[in-house]
Amino acid sequence: NDGTTRQFESQFWSPLVSETRVYHHALEHLMDALQVALALGER
């Protein structure tokens, strides 16, 4: 817990956290859409 940690966190870690949340949210929506498409294809 020093200046290097804080610099790494602000420069790399925090953006990675934000991007990962967006990715997981998009992946969840993609999986939902794929399930709907599969269900429609089974009709």
PDB file of all heavy atoms in Angstrom:
ATOM      1  N   ASN A   1       0.850  -1.186   0.000  1.00  0.00           N
ATOM      2  CA  ASN A   1       0.000   0.000   0.000  1.00  0.00           C
ATOM      3  C   ASN A   1       0.888   1.239   0.000  1.00  0.00           C
ATOM      4  O   ASN A   1       1.213   1.788   1.031  1.00  0.00           O
ATOM      5  CB  ASN A   1      -0.929  -0.016   1.216  1.00  0.00           C
ATOM      6  CG  ASN A   1      -1.980   1.069   1.129  1.00  0.00           C
ATOM      7  OD1 ASN A   1      -2.133   1.710   0.108  1.00  0.00           O
ATOM      8  ND2 ASN A   1      -2.696   1.265   2.210  1.00  0.00           N
ATOM      9  N   ASP A   2       1.280   1.648  -1.201  1.00  0.00           N
ATOM     10  CA  ASP A   2       2.124   2.822  -1.339  1.00  0.00           C
ATOM     11  C   ASP A   2       1.731   3.574  -2.608  1.00  0.00           C
ATOM     12  O   ASP A   2       0.718   3.276  -3.230  1.00  0.00           O
ATOM     13  CB  ASP A   2       3.608   2.431  -1.352  1.00  0.00           C
ATOM     14  CG  ASP A   2       3.969   1.494  -2.501  1.00  0.00           C
ATOM     15  OD1 ASP A   2       3.112   1.234  -3.366  1.00  0.00           O
ATOM     16  OD2 ASP A   2       5.114   1.038  -2.538  1.00  0.00           O
ATOM     17  N   GLY A   3       2.524   4.544  -2.979  1.00  0.00           N
ATOM     18  CA  GLY A   3       2.224   5.339  -4.165  1.00  0.00           C
ATOM     19  C   GLY A   3       2.174   4.518  -5.435  1.00  0.00           C
ATOM     20  O   GLY A   3       1.364   4.780  -6.326  1.00  0.00           O
ATOM     21  N   THR A   4       3.053   3.529  -5.534  1.00  0.00           N
ATOM     22  CA  THR A   4       3.068   2.672  -6.715  1.00  0.00           C
ATOM     23  C   THR A   4       1.766   1.885  -6.825  1.00  0.00           C
ATOM     24  O   THR A   4       1.212   1.728  -7.909  1.00  0.00           O
ATOM     25  CB  THR A   4       4.269   1.710  -6.672  1.00  0.00           C
ATOM     26  OG1 THR A   4       5.465   2.489  -6.559  1.00  0.00           O
ATOM     27  CG2 THR A   4       4.334   0.846  -7.916  1.00  0.00           C
ATOM     28  N   THR A   5       1.280   1.415  -5.677  1.00  0.00           N
ATOM     29  CA  THR A   5       0.002   0.690  -5.670  1.00  0.00           C
ATOM     30  C   THR A   5      -1.114   1.596  -6.165  1.00  0.00           C
ATOM     31  O   THR A   5      -1.921   1.195  -7.008  1.00  0.00           O
ATOM     32  CB  THR A   5      -0.347   0.219  -4.245  1.00  0.00           C
ATOM     33  OG1 THR A   5       0.733  -0.507  -3.718  1.00  0.00           O
ATOM     34  CG2 THR A   5      -1.599  -0.641  -4.239  1.00  0.00           C
ATOM     35  N   ARG A   6      -1.178   2.788  -5.615  1.00  0.00           N
ATOM     36  CA  ARG A   6      -2.240   3.728  -6.000  1.00  0.00           C
ATOM     37  C   ARG A   6      -2.137   4.100  -7.477  1.00  0.00           C
ATOM     38  O   ARG A   6      -3.153   4.222  -8.162  1.00  0.00           O
ATOM     39  CB  ARG A   6      -2.213   4.944  -5.098  1.00  0.00           C
ATOM     40  CG  ARG A   6      -2.677   4.615  -3.676  1.00  0.00           C
ATOM     41  CD  ARG A   6      -2.752   5.848  -2.789  1.00  0.00           C
ATOM     42  NE  ARG A   6      -1.433   6.342  -2.405  1.00  0.00           N
ATOM     43  CZ  ARG A   6      -0.676   5.820  -1.444  1.00  0.00           C
ATOM     44  NH1 ARG A   6      -1.114   4.773  -0.760  1.00  0.00           N
ATOM     45  NH2 ARG A   6       0.499   6.342  -1.149  1.00  0.00           N
ATOM     46  N   GLN A   7      -0.925   4.273  -7.966  1.00  0.00           N
ATOM     47  CA  GLN A   7      -0.730   4.593  -9.384  1.00  0.00           C
ATOM     48  C   GLN A   7      -1.193   3.426 -10.262  1.00  0.00           C
ATOM     49  O   GLN A   7      -1.892   3.626 -11.256  1.00  0.00           O
ATOM     50  CB  GLN A   7       0.732   4.915  -9.666  1.00  0.00           C
ATOM     51  CG  GLN A   7       0.975   5.278 -11.121  1.00  0.00           C
ATOM     52  CD  GLN A   7       2.442   5.553 -11.403  1.00  0.00           C
ATOM     53  OE1 GLN A   7       3.293   5.456 -10.536  1.00  0.00           O
ATOM     54  NE2 GLN A   7       2.742   5.881 -12.652  1.00  0.00           N
ATOM     55  N   PHE A   8      -0.782   2.219  -9.913  1.00  0.00           N
ATOM     56  CA  PHE A   8      -1.209   1.036 -10.663  1.00  0.00           C
ATOM     57  C   PHE A   8      -2.727   0.920 -10.640  1.00  0.00           C
ATOM     58  O   PHE A   8      -3.360   0.649 -11.674  1.00  0.00           O
ATOM     59  CB  PHE A   8      -0.575  -0.235 -10.086  1.00  0.00           C
ATOM     60  CG  PHE A   8      -0.987  -1.483 -10.810  1.00  0.00           C
ATOM     61  CD1 PHE A   8      -0.299  -1.917 -11.926  1.00  0.00           C
ATOM     62  CD2 PHE A   8      -2.088  -2.225 -10.381  1.00  0.00           C
ATOM     63  CE1 PHE A   8      -0.680  -3.061 -12.608  1.00  0.00           C
ATOM     64  CE2 PHE A   8      -2.482  -3.370 -11.051  1.00  0.00           C
ATOM     65  CZ  PHE A   8      -1.785  -3.788 -12.171  1.00  0.00           C
ATOM     66  N   GLU A   9      -3.298   1.131  -9.463  1.00  0.00           N
ATOM     67  CA  GLU A   9      -4.748   1.008  -9.320  1.00  0.00           C
ATOM     68  C   GLU A   9      -5.476   2.012 -10.202  1.00  0.00           C
ATOM     69  O   GLU A   9      -6.418   1.658 -10.919  1.00  0.00           O
ATOM     70  CB  GLU A   9      -5.148   1.172  -7.858  1.00  0.00           C
ATOM     71  CG  GLU A   9      -6.588   0.818  -7.587  1.00  0.00           C
ATOM     72  CD  GLU A   9      -6.847   0.622  -6.117  1.00  0.00           C
ATOM     73  OE1 GLU A   9      -6.247   1.339  -5.287  1.00  0.00           O
ATOM     74  OE2 GLU A   9      -7.660  -0.261  -5.793  1.00  0.00           O
ATOM     75  N   SER A  10      -5.047   3.264 -10.186  1.00  0.00           N
ATOM     76  CA  SER A  10      -5.749   4.283 -10.973  1.00  0.00           C
ATOM     77  C   SER A  10      -5.483   4.137 -12.468  1.00  0.00           C
ATOM     78  O   SER A  10      -6.378   4.357 -13.280  1.00  0.00           O
ATOM     79  CB  SER A  10      -5.384   5.685 -10.502  1.00  0.00           C
ATOM     80  OG  SER A  10      -4.028   5.971 -10.773  1.00  0.00           O
ATOM     81  N   GLN A  11      -4.262   3.744 -12.824  1.00  0.00           N
ATOM     82  CA  GLN A  11      -3.898   3.670 -14.235  1.00  0.00           C
ATOM     83  C   GLN A  11      -4.356   2.377 -14.903  1.00  0.00           C
ATOM     84  O   GLN A  11      -4.724   2.380 -16.078  1.00  0.00           O
ATOM     85  CB  GLN A  11      -2.386   3.824 -14.379  1.00  0.00           C
ATOM     86  CG  GLN A  11      -1.916   3.992 -15.799  1.00  0.00           C
ATOM     87  CD  GLN A  11      -0.425   4.295 -15.865  1.00  0.00           C
ATOM     88  OE1 GLN A  11       0.273   4.371 -14.863  1.00  0.00           O
ATOM     89  NE2 GLN A  11       0.079   4.457 -17.073  1.00  0.00           N
ATOM     90  N   PHE A  12      -4.328   1.273 -14.165  1.00  0.00           N
ATOM     91  CA  PHE A  12      -4.623  -0.028 -14.782  1.00  0.00           C
ATOM     92  C   PHE A  12      -5.804  -0.754 -14.156  1.00  0.00           C
ATOM     93  O   PHE A  12      -6.681  -1.254 -14.869  1.00  0.00           O
ATOM     94  CB  PHE A  12      -3.383  -0.937 -14.717  1.00  0.00           C
ATOM     95  CG  PHE A  12      -2.198  -0.385 -15.440  1.00  0.00           C
ATOM     96  CD1 PHE A  12      -1.136   0.153 -14.741  1.00  0.00           C
ATOM     97  CD2 PHE A  12      -2.152  -0.390 -16.820  1.00  0.00           C
ATOM     98  CE1 PHE A  12      -0.037   0.677 -15.408  1.00  0.00           C
ATOM     99  CE2 PHE A  12      -1.057   0.124 -17.505  1.00  0.00           C
ATOM    100  CZ  PHE A  12       0.003   0.662 -16.785  1.00  0.00           C
ATOM    101  N   TRP A  13      -5.809  -0.871 -12.840  1.00  0.00           N
ATOM    102  CA  TRP A  13      -6.805  -1.716 -12.190  1.00  0.00           C
ATOM    103  C   TRP A  13      -8.220  -1.154 -12.324  1.00  0.00           C
ATOM    104  O   TRP A  13      -9.132  -1.874 -12.737  1.00  0.00           O
ATOM    105  CB  TRP A  13      -6.455  -1.952 -10.717  1.00  0.00           C
ATOM    106  CG  TRP A  13      -7.420  -2.887 -10.068  1.00  0.00           C
ATOM    107  CD1 TRP A  13      -8.410  -2.569  -9.184  1.00  0.00           C
ATOM    108  CD2 TRP A  13      -7.533  -4.290 -10.289  1.00  0.00           C
ATOM    109  NE1 TRP A  13      -9.119  -3.680  -8.838  1.00  0.00           N
ATOM    110  CE2 TRP A  13      -8.602  -4.754  -9.513  1.00  0.00           C
ATOM    111  CE3 TRP A  13      -6.840  -5.190 -11.076  1.00  0.00           C
ATOM    112  CZ2 TRP A  13      -8.975  -6.087  -9.492  1.00  0.00           C
ATOM    113  CZ3 TRP A  13      -7.218  -6.517 -11.059  1.00  0.00           C
ATOM    114  CH2 TRP A  13      -8.281  -6.946 -10.269  1.00  0.00           C
ATOM    115  N   SER A  14      -8.406   0.112 -11.988  1.00  0.00           N
ATOM    116  CA  SER A  14      -9.760   0.697 -12.051  1.00  0.00           C
ATOM    117  C   SER A  14     -10.352   0.635 -13.456  1.00  0.00           C
ATOM    118  O   SER A  14     -11.530   0.262 -13.607  1.00  0.00           O
ATOM    119  CB  SER A  14      -9.748   2.127 -11.525  1.00  0.00           C
ATOM    120  OG  SER A  14      -9.468   2.122 -10.147  1.00  0.00           O
ATOM    121  N   PRO A  15      -9.578   0.997 -14.506  1.00  0.00           N
ATOM    122  CA  PRO A  15     -10.146   0.824 -15.856  1.00  0.00           C
ATOM    123  C   PRO A  15     -10.479  -0.633 -16.185  1.00  0.00           C
ATOM    124  O   PRO A  15     -11.488  -0.915 -16.832  1.00  0.00           O
ATOM    125  CB  PRO A  15      -9.040   1.350 -16.781  1.00  0.00           C
ATOM    126  CG  PRO A  15      -8.243   2.274 -15.940  1.00  0.00           C
ATOM    127  CD  PRO A  15      -8.292   1.694 -14.550  1.00  0.00           C
ATOM    128  N   LEU A  16      -9.645  -1.550 -15.715  1.00  0.00           N
ATOM    129  CA  LEU A  16      -9.912  -2.971 -15.951  1.00  0.00           C
ATOM    130  C   LEU A  16     -11.205  -3.403 -15.268  1.00  0.00           C
ATOM    131  O   LEU A  16     -12.004  -4.149 -15.847  1.00  0.00           O
ATOM    132  CB  LEU A  16      -8.745  -3.823 -15.465  1.00  0.00           C
ATOM    133  CG  LEU A  16      -8.890  -5.332 -15.653  1.00  0.00           C
ATOM    134  CD1 LEU A  16      -9.017  -5.683 -17.136  1.00  0.00           C
ATOM    135  CD2 LEU A  16      -7.717  -6.055 -15.012  1.00  0.00           C
ATOM    136  N   VAL A  17     -11.428  -2.930 -14.052  1.00  0.00           N
ATOM    137  CA  VAL A  17     -12.667  -3.252 -13.339  1.00  0.00           C
ATOM    138  C   VAL A  17     -13.864  -2.757 -14.139  1.00  0.00           C
ATOM    139  O   VAL A  17     -14.837  -3.491 -14.359  1.00  0.00           O
ATOM    140  CB  VAL A  17     -12.658  -2.643 -11.908  1.00  0.00           C
ATOM    141  CG1 VAL A  17     -14.031  -2.734 -11.267  1.00  0.00           C
ATOM    142  CG2 VAL A  17     -11.607  -3.330 -11.044  1.00  0.00           C
ATOM    143  N   SER A  18     -13.805  -1.513 -14.599  1.00  0.00           N
ATOM    144  CA  SER A  18     -14.915  -0.941 -15.375  1.00  0.00           C
ATOM    145  C   SER A  18     -15.160  -1.722 -16.661  1.00  0.00           C
ATOM    146  O   SER A  18     -16.306  -2.062 -16.987  1.00  0.00           O
ATOM    147  CB  SER A  18     -14.625   0.514 -15.715  1.00  0.00           C
ATOM    148  OG  SER A  18     -14.545   1.283 -14.549  1.00  0.00           O
ATOM    149  N   GLU A  19     -14.096  -2.009 -17.389  1.00  0.00           N
ATOM    150  CA  GLU A  19     -14.234  -2.740 -18.646  1.00  0.00           C
ATOM    151  C   GLU A  19     -14.748  -4.155 -18.422  1.00  0.00           C
ATOM    152  O   GLU A  19     -15.540  -4.671 -19.220  1.00  0.00           O
ATOM    153  CB  GLU A  19     -12.900  -2.783 -19.380  1.00  0.00           C
ATOM    154  CG  GLU A  19     -12.470  -1.435 -19.920  1.00  0.00           C
ATOM    155  CD  GLU A  19     -11.083  -1.451 -20.521  1.00  0.00           C
ATOM    156  OE1 GLU A  19     -10.615  -2.538 -20.915  1.00  0.00           O
ATOM    157  OE2 GLU A  19     -10.471  -0.374 -20.610  1.00  0.00           O
ATOM    158  N   THR A  20     -14.331  -4.775 -17.348  1.00  0.00           N
ATOM    159  CA  THR A  20     -14.773  -6.139 -17.058  1.00  0.00           C
ATOM    160  C   THR A  20     -16.257  -6.161 -16.701  1.00  0.00           C
ATOM    161  O   THR A  20     -16.983  -7.074 -17.114  1.00  0.00           O
ATOM    162  CB  THR A  20     -13.921  -6.752 -15.941  1.00  0.00           C
ATOM    163  OG1 THR A  20     -12.551  -6.748 -16.362  1.00  0.00           O
ATOM    164  CG2 THR A  20     -14.338  -8.177 -15.639  1.00  0.00           C
ATOM    165  N   ARG A  21     -16.708  -5.171 -15.960  1.00  0.00           N
ATOM    166  CA  ARG A  21     -18.145  -5.094 -15.646  1.00  0.00           C
ATOM    167  C   ARG A  21     -18.969  -4.941 -16.914  1.00  0.00           C
ATOM    168  O   ARG A  21     -20.006  -5.590 -17.076  1.00  0.00           O
ATOM    169  CB  ARG A  21     -18.408  -3.941 -14.686  1.00  0.00           C
ATOM    170  CG  ARG A  21     -17.955  -4.234 -13.289  1.00  0.00           C
ATOM    171  CD  ARG A  21     -18.262  -3.096 -12.345  1.00  0.00           C
ATOM    172  NE  ARG A  21     -17.758  -3.415 -11.020  1.00  0.00           N
ATOM    173  CZ  ARG A  21     -17.292  -2.534 -10.169  1.00  0.00           C
ATOM    174  NH1 ARG A  21     -17.272  -1.253 -10.487  1.00  0.00           N
ATOM    175  NH2 ARG A  21     -16.842  -2.911  -8.997  1.00  0.00           N
ATOM    176  N   VAL A  22     -18.515  -4.067 -17.819  1.00  0.00           N
ATOM    177  CA  VAL A  22     -19.213  -3.876 -19.090  1.00  0.00           C
ATOM    178  C   VAL A  22     -19.221  -5.184 -19.884  1.00  0.00           C
ATOM    179  O   VAL A  22     -20.242  -5.588 -20.438  1.00  0.00           O
ATOM    180  CB  VAL A  22     -18.568  -2.730 -19.903  1.00  0.00           C
ATOM    181  CG1 VAL A  22     -19.094  -2.687 -21.334  1.00  0.00           C
ATOM    182  CG2 VAL A  22     -18.791  -1.392 -19.210  1.00  0.00           C
ATOM    183  N   TYR A  23     -18.073  -5.857 -19.921  1.00  0.00           N
ATOM    184  CA  TYR A  23     -17.955  -7.132 -20.632  1.00  0.00           C
ATOM    185  C   TYR A  23     -18.918  -8.173 -20.068  1.00  0.00           C
ATOM    186  O   TYR A  23     -19.641  -8.834 -20.819  1.00  0.00           O
ATOM    187  CB  TYR A  23     -16.512  -7.639 -20.557  1.00  0.00           C
ATOM    188  CG  TYR A  23     -16.371  -9.094 -20.928  1.00  0.00           C
ATOM    189  CD1 TYR A  23     -16.411  -9.493 -22.259  1.00  0.00           C
ATOM    190  CD2 TYR A  23     -16.219 -10.067 -19.943  1.00  0.00           C
ATOM    191  CE1 TYR A  23     -16.291 -10.829 -22.599  1.00  0.00           C
ATOM    192  CE2 TYR A  23     -16.094 -11.406 -20.284  1.00  0.00           C
ATOM    193  CZ  TYR A  23     -16.131 -11.779 -21.602  1.00  0.00           C
ATOM    194  OH  TYR A  23     -16.029 -13.098 -21.937  1.00  0.00           O
ATOM    195  N   HIS A  24     -18.943  -8.329 -18.746  1.00  0.00           N
ATOM    196  CA  HIS A  24     -19.818  -9.330 -18.141  1.00  0.00           C
ATOM    197  C   HIS A  24     -21.289  -8.999 -18.386  1.00  0.00           C
ATOM    198  O   HIS A  24     -22.103  -9.902 -18.619  1.00  0.00           O
ATOM    199  CB  HIS A  24     -19.532  -9.487 -16.651  1.00  0.00           C
ATOM    200  CG  HIS A  24     -18.312 -10.298 -16.373  1.00  0.00           C
ATOM    201  ND1 HIS A  24     -17.397  -9.962 -15.421  1.00  0.00           N
ATOM    202  CD2 HIS A  24     -17.849 -11.443 -16.938  1.00  0.00           C
ATOM    203  CE1 HIS A  24     -16.424 -10.848 -15.411  1.00  0.00           C
ATOM    204  NE2 HIS A  24     -16.673 -11.757 -16.329  1.00  0.00           N
ATOM    205  N   HIS A  25     -21.624  -7.724 -18.343  1.00  0.00           N
ATOM    206  CA  HIS A  25     -23.002  -7.312 -18.606  1.00  0.00           C
ATOM    207  C   HIS A  25     -23.375  -7.640 -20.062  1.00  0.00           C
ATOM    208  O   HIS A  25     -24.450  -8.198 -20.327  1.00  0.00           O
ATOM    209  CB  HIS A  25     -23.141  -5.815 -18.328  1.00  0.00           C
ATOM    210  CG  HIS A  25     -24.527  -5.298 -18.458  1.00  0.00           C
ATOM    211  ND1 HIS A  25     -25.530  -5.620 -17.571  1.00  0.00           N
ATOM    212  CD2 HIS A  25     -25.094  -4.489 -19.383  1.00  0.00           C
ATOM    213  CE1 HIS A  25     -26.647  -5.028 -17.943  1.00  0.00           C
ATOM    214  NE2 HIS A  25     -26.406  -4.333 -19.041  1.00  0.00           N
ATOM    215  N   ALA A  26     -22.480  -7.322 -20.991  1.00  0.00           N
ATOM    216  CA  ALA A  26     -22.741  -7.610 -22.404  1.00  0.00           C
ATOM    217  C   ALA A  26     -22.818  -9.115 -22.655  1.00  0.00           C
ATOM    218  O   ALA A  26     -23.672  -9.581 -23.422  1.00  0.00           O
ATOM    219  CB  ALA A  26     -21.654  -6.978 -23.269  1.00  0.00           C
ATOM    220  N   LEU A  27     -21.945  -9.867 -22.004  1.00  0.00           N
ATOM    221  CA  LEU A  27     -21.958 -11.320 -22.156  1.00  0.00           C
ATOM    222  C   LEU A  27     -23.276 -11.907 -21.643  1.00  0.00           C
ATOM    223  O   LEU A  27     -23.844 -12.812 -22.259  1.00  0.00           O
ATOM    224  CB  LEU A  27     -20.767 -11.942 -21.433  1.00  0.00           C
ATOM    225  CG  LEU A  27     -20.562 -13.443 -21.593  1.00  0.00           C
ATOM    226  CD1 LEU A  27     -20.436 -13.825 -23.068  1.00  0.00           C
ATOM    227  CD2 LEU A  27     -19.345 -13.884 -20.805  1.00  0.00           C
ATOM    228  N   GLU A  28     -23.757 -11.367 -20.538  1.00  0.00           N
ATOM    229  CA  GLU A  28     -25.042 -11.826 -19.994  1.00  0.00           C
ATOM    230  C   GLU A  28     -26.168 -11.578 -20.992  1.00  0.00           C
ATOM    231  O   GLU A  28     -27.004 -12.459 -21.238  1.00  0.00           O
ATOM    232  CB  GLU A  28     -25.322 -11.105 -18.679  1.00  0.00           C
ATOM    233  CG  GLU A  28     -26.581 -11.554 -17.991  1.00  0.00           C
ATOM    234  CD  GLU A  28     -26.783 -10.838 -16.659  1.00  0.00           C
ATOM    235  OE1 GLU A  28     -25.798 -10.468 -16.013  1.00  0.00           O
ATOM    236  OE2 GLU A  28     -27.962 -10.658 -16.288  1.00  0.00           O
ATOM    237  N   HIS A  29     -26.187 -10.392 -21.602  1.00  0.00           N
ATOM    238  CA  HIS A  29     -27.221 -10.087 -22.593  1.00  0.00           C
ATOM    239  C   HIS A  29     -27.082 -10.964 -23.831  1.00  0.00           C
ATOM    240  O   HIS A  29     -28.086 -11.409 -24.398  1.00  0.00           O
ATOM    241  CB  HIS A  29     -27.181  -8.608 -22.989  1.00  0.00           C
ATOM    242  CG  HIS A  29     -27.772  -7.715 -21.957  1.00  0.00           C
ATOM    243  ND1 HIS A  29     -29.125  -7.669 -21.684  1.00  0.00           N
ATOM    244  CD2 HIS A  29     -27.198  -6.846 -21.103  1.00  0.00           C
ATOM    245  CE1 HIS A  29     -29.356  -6.815 -20.716  1.00  0.00           C
ATOM    246  NE2 HIS A  29     -28.199  -6.299 -20.331  1.00  0.00           N
ATOM    247  N   LEU A  30     -25.865 -11.231 -24.241  1.00  0.00           N
ATOM    248  CA  LEU A  30     -25.637 -12.109 -25.385  1.00  0.00           C
ATOM    249  C   LEU A  30     -26.158 -13.508 -25.096  1.00  0.00           C
ATOM    250  O   LEU A  30     -26.833 -14.123 -25.928  1.00  0.00           O
ATOM    251  CB  LEU A  30     -24.147 -12.159 -25.734  1.00  0.00           C
ATOM    252  CG  LEU A  30     -23.751 -13.136 -26.842  1.00  0.00           C
ATOM    253  CD1 LEU A  30     -24.437 -12.785 -28.154  1.00  0.00           C
ATOM    254  CD2 LEU A  30     -22.243 -13.157 -26.999  1.00  0.00           C
ATOM    255  N   MET A  31     -25.867 -14.026 -23.912  1.00  0.00           N
ATOM    256  CA  MET A  31     -26.341 -15.366 -23.547  1.00  0.00           C
ATOM    257  C   MET A  31     -27.869 -15.416 -23.524  1.00  0.00           C
ATOM    258  O   MET A  31     -28.466 -16.394 -23.985  1.00  0.00           O
ATOM    259  CB  MET A  31     -25.776 -15.784 -22.190  1.00  0.00           C
ATOM    260  CG  MET A  31     -24.299 -16.042 -22.195  1.00  0.00           C
ATOM    261  SD  MET A  31     -23.922 -17.453 -23.257  1.00  0.00           S
ATOM    262  CE  MET A  31     -22.264 -17.081 -23.692  1.00  0.00           C
ATOM    263  N   ASP A  32     -28.486 -14.363 -23.010  1.00  0.00           N
ATOM    264  CA  ASP A  32     -29.951 -14.298 -23.002  1.00  0.00           C
ATOM    265  C   ASP A  32     -30.499 -14.310 -24.433  1.00  0.00           C
ATOM    266  O   ASP A  32     -31.454 -15.025 -24.736  1.00  0.00           O
ATOM    267  CB  ASP A  32     -30.434 -13.050 -22.265  1.00  0.00           C
ATOM    268  CG  ASP A  32     -30.182 -13.108 -20.768  1.00  0.00           C
ATOM    269  OD1 ASP A  32     -29.905 -14.205 -20.232  1.00  0.00           O
ATOM    270  OD2 ASP A  32     -30.244 -12.033 -20.128  1.00  0.00           O
ATOM    271  N   ALA A  33     -29.879 -13.515 -25.306  1.00  0.00           N
ATOM    272  CA  ALA A  33     -30.335 -13.455 -26.694  1.00  0.00           C
ATOM    273  C   ALA A  33     -30.140 -14.800 -27.394  1.00  0.00           C
ATOM    274  O   ALA A  33     -31.003 -15.234 -28.172  1.00  0.00           O
ATOM    275  CB  ALA A  33     -29.586 -12.349 -27.445  1.00  0.00           C
ATOM    276  N   LEU A  34     -29.036 -15.459 -27.127  1.00  0.00           N
ATOM    277  CA  LEU A  34     -28.802 -16.776 -27.726  1.00  0.00           C
ATOM    278  C   LEU A  34     -29.821 -17.804 -27.247  1.00  0.00           C
ATOM    279  O   LEU A  34     -30.283 -18.639 -28.030  1.00  0.00           O
ATOM    280  CB  LEU A  34     -27.383 -17.255 -27.431  1.00  0.00           C
ATOM    281  CG  LEU A  34     -26.272 -16.528 -28.172  1.00  0.00           C
ATOM    282  CD1 LEU A  34     -24.911 -16.968 -27.657  1.00  0.00           C
ATOM    283  CD2 LEU A  34     -26.385 -16.743 -29.669  1.00  0.00           C
ATOM    284  N   GLN A  35     -30.182 -17.737 -25.985  1.00  0.00           N
ATOM    285  CA  GLN A  35     -31.197 -18.671 -25.468  1.00  0.00           C
ATOM    286  C   GLN A  35     -32.546 -18.425 -26.131  1.00  0.00           C
ATOM    287  O   GLN A  35     -33.256 -19.374 -26.471  1.00  0.00           O
ATOM    288  CB  GLN A  35     -31.308 -18.554 -23.951  1.00  0.00           C
ATOM    289  CG  GLN A  35     -30.185 -19.249 -23.237  1.00  0.00           C
ATOM    290  CD  GLN A  35     -30.407 -19.317 -21.747  1.00  0.00           C
ATOM    291  OE1 GLN A  35     -31.116 -18.495 -21.165  1.00  0.00           O
ATOM    292  NE2 GLN A  35     -29.790 -20.298 -21.114  1.00  0.00           N
ATOM    293  N   VAL A  36     -32.897 -17.173 -26.340  1.00  0.00           N
ATOM    294  CA  VAL A  36     -34.147 -16.848 -27.007  1.00  0.00           C
ATOM    295  C   VAL A  36     -34.098 -17.372 -28.439  1.00  0.00           C
ATOM    296  O   VAL A  36     -35.052 -17.979 -28.932  1.00  0.00           O
ATOM    297  CB  VAL A  36     -34.419 -15.326 -26.985  1.00  0.00           C
ATOM    298  CG1 VAL A  36     -35.548 -14.947 -27.927  1.00  0.00           C
ATOM    299  CG2 VAL A  36     -34.726 -14.869 -25.564  1.00  0.00           C
ATOM    300  N   ALA A  37     -32.983 -17.142 -29.126  1.00  0.00           N
ATOM    301  CA  ALA A  37     -32.844 -17.612 -30.504  1.00  0.00           C
ATOM    302  C   ALA A  37     -32.928 -19.128 -30.583  1.00  0.00           C
ATOM    303  O   ALA A  37     -33.585 -19.674 -31.494  1.00  0.00           O
ATOM    304  CB  ALA A  37     -31.514 -17.115 -31.093  1.00  0.00           C
ATOM    305  N   LEU A  38     -32.302 -19.800 -29.663  1.00  0.00           N
ATOM    306  CA  LEU A  38     -32.380 -21.273 -29.646  1.00  0.00           C
ATOM    307  C   LEU A  38     -33.805 -21.748 -29.386  1.00  0.00           C
ATOM    308  O   LEU A  38     -34.271 -22.707 -30.020  1.00  0.00           O
ATOM    309  CB  LEU A  38     -31.435 -21.842 -28.591  1.00  0.00           C
ATOM    310  CG  LEU A  38     -29.953 -21.797 -28.929  1.00  0.00           C
ATOM    311  CD1 LEU A  38     -29.126 -22.216 -27.718  1.00  0.00           C
ATOM    312  CD2 LEU A  38     -29.654 -22.703 -30.106  1.00  0.00           C
ATOM    313  N   ALA A  39     -34.491 -21.091 -28.495  1.00  0.00           N
ATOM    314  CA  ALA A  39     -35.868 -21.476 -28.184  1.00  0.00           C
ATOM    315  C   ALA A  39     -36.775 -21.254 -29.409  1.00  0.00           C
ATOM    316  O   ALA A  39     -37.639 -22.079 -29.686  1.00  0.00           O
ATOM    317  CB  ALA A  39     -36.383 -20.678 -26.988  1.00  0.00           C
ATOM    318  N   LEU A  40     -36.555 -20.162 -30.121  1.00  0.00           N
ATOM    319  CA  LEU A  40     -37.341 -19.891 -31.322  1.00  0.00           C
ATOM    320  C   LEU A  40     -37.024 -20.911 -32.417  1.00  0.00           C
ATOM    321  O   LEU A  40     -37.918 -21.293 -33.179  1.00  0.00           O
ATOM    322  CB  LEU A  40     -37.079 -18.474 -31.825  1.00  0.00           C
ATOM    323  CG  LEU A  40     -37.625 -17.334 -30.966  1.00  0.00           C
ATOM    324  CD1 LEU A  40     -37.158 -15.988 -31.494  1.00  0.00           C
ATOM    325  CD2 LEU A  40     -39.141 -17.385 -30.895  1.00  0.00           C
ATOM    326  N   GLY A  41     -35.776 -21.347 -32.491  1.00  0.00           N
ATOM    327  CA  GLY A  41     -35.384 -22.320 -33.500  1.00  0.00           C
ATOM    328  C   GLY A  41     -35.951 -23.693 -33.238  1.00  0.00           C
ATOM    329  O   GLY A  41     -36.081 -24.514 -34.152  1.00  0.00           O
ATOM    330  N   GLU A  42     -36.305 -23.964 -31.995  1.00  0.00           N
ATOM    331  CA  GLU A  42     -36.853 -25.270 -31.635  1.00  0.00           C
ATOM    332  C   GLU A  42     -38.340 -25.368 -31.915  1.00  0.00           C
ATOM    333  O   GLU A  42     -38.908 -26.445 -31.808  1.00  0.00           O
ATOM    334  CB  GLU A  42     -36.567 -25.563 -30.159  1.00  0.00           C
ATOM    335  CG  GLU A  42     -35.098 -25.749 -29.867  1.00  0.00           C
ATOM    336  CD  GLU A  42     -34.811 -25.915 -28.384  1.00  0.00           C
ATOM    337  OE1 GLU A  42     -35.749 -25.789 -27.558  1.00  0.00           O
ATOM    338  OE2 GLU A  42     -33.651 -26.158 -28.042  1.00  0.00           O
ATOM    339  N   ARG A  43     -38.953 -24.292 -32.287  1.00  0.00           N
ATOM    340  CA  ARG A  43     -40.405 -24.312 -32.529  1.00  0.00           C
ATOM    341  C   ARG A  43     -40.747 -24.976 -33.813  1.00  0.00           C
ATOM    342  O   ARG A  43     -40.244 -25.117 -34.774  1.00  0.00           O
ATOM    343  CB  ARG A  43     -40.973 -22.894 -32.548  1.00  0.00           C
ATOM    344  CG  ARG A  43     -40.969 -22.274 -31.203  1.00  0.00           C
ATOM    345  CD  ARG A  43     -41.630 -20.951 -31.283  1.00  0.00           C
ATOM    346  NE  ARG A  43     -41.613 -20.308 -29.975  1.00  0.00           N
ATOM    347  CZ  ARG A  43     -42.128 -19.142 -29.726  1.00  0.00           C
ATOM    348  NH1 ARG A  43     -42.704 -18.478 -30.688  1.00  0.00           N
ATOM    349  NH2 ARG A  43     -42.073 -18.618 -28.557  1.00  0.00           N
TER     350      ARG A  43
END
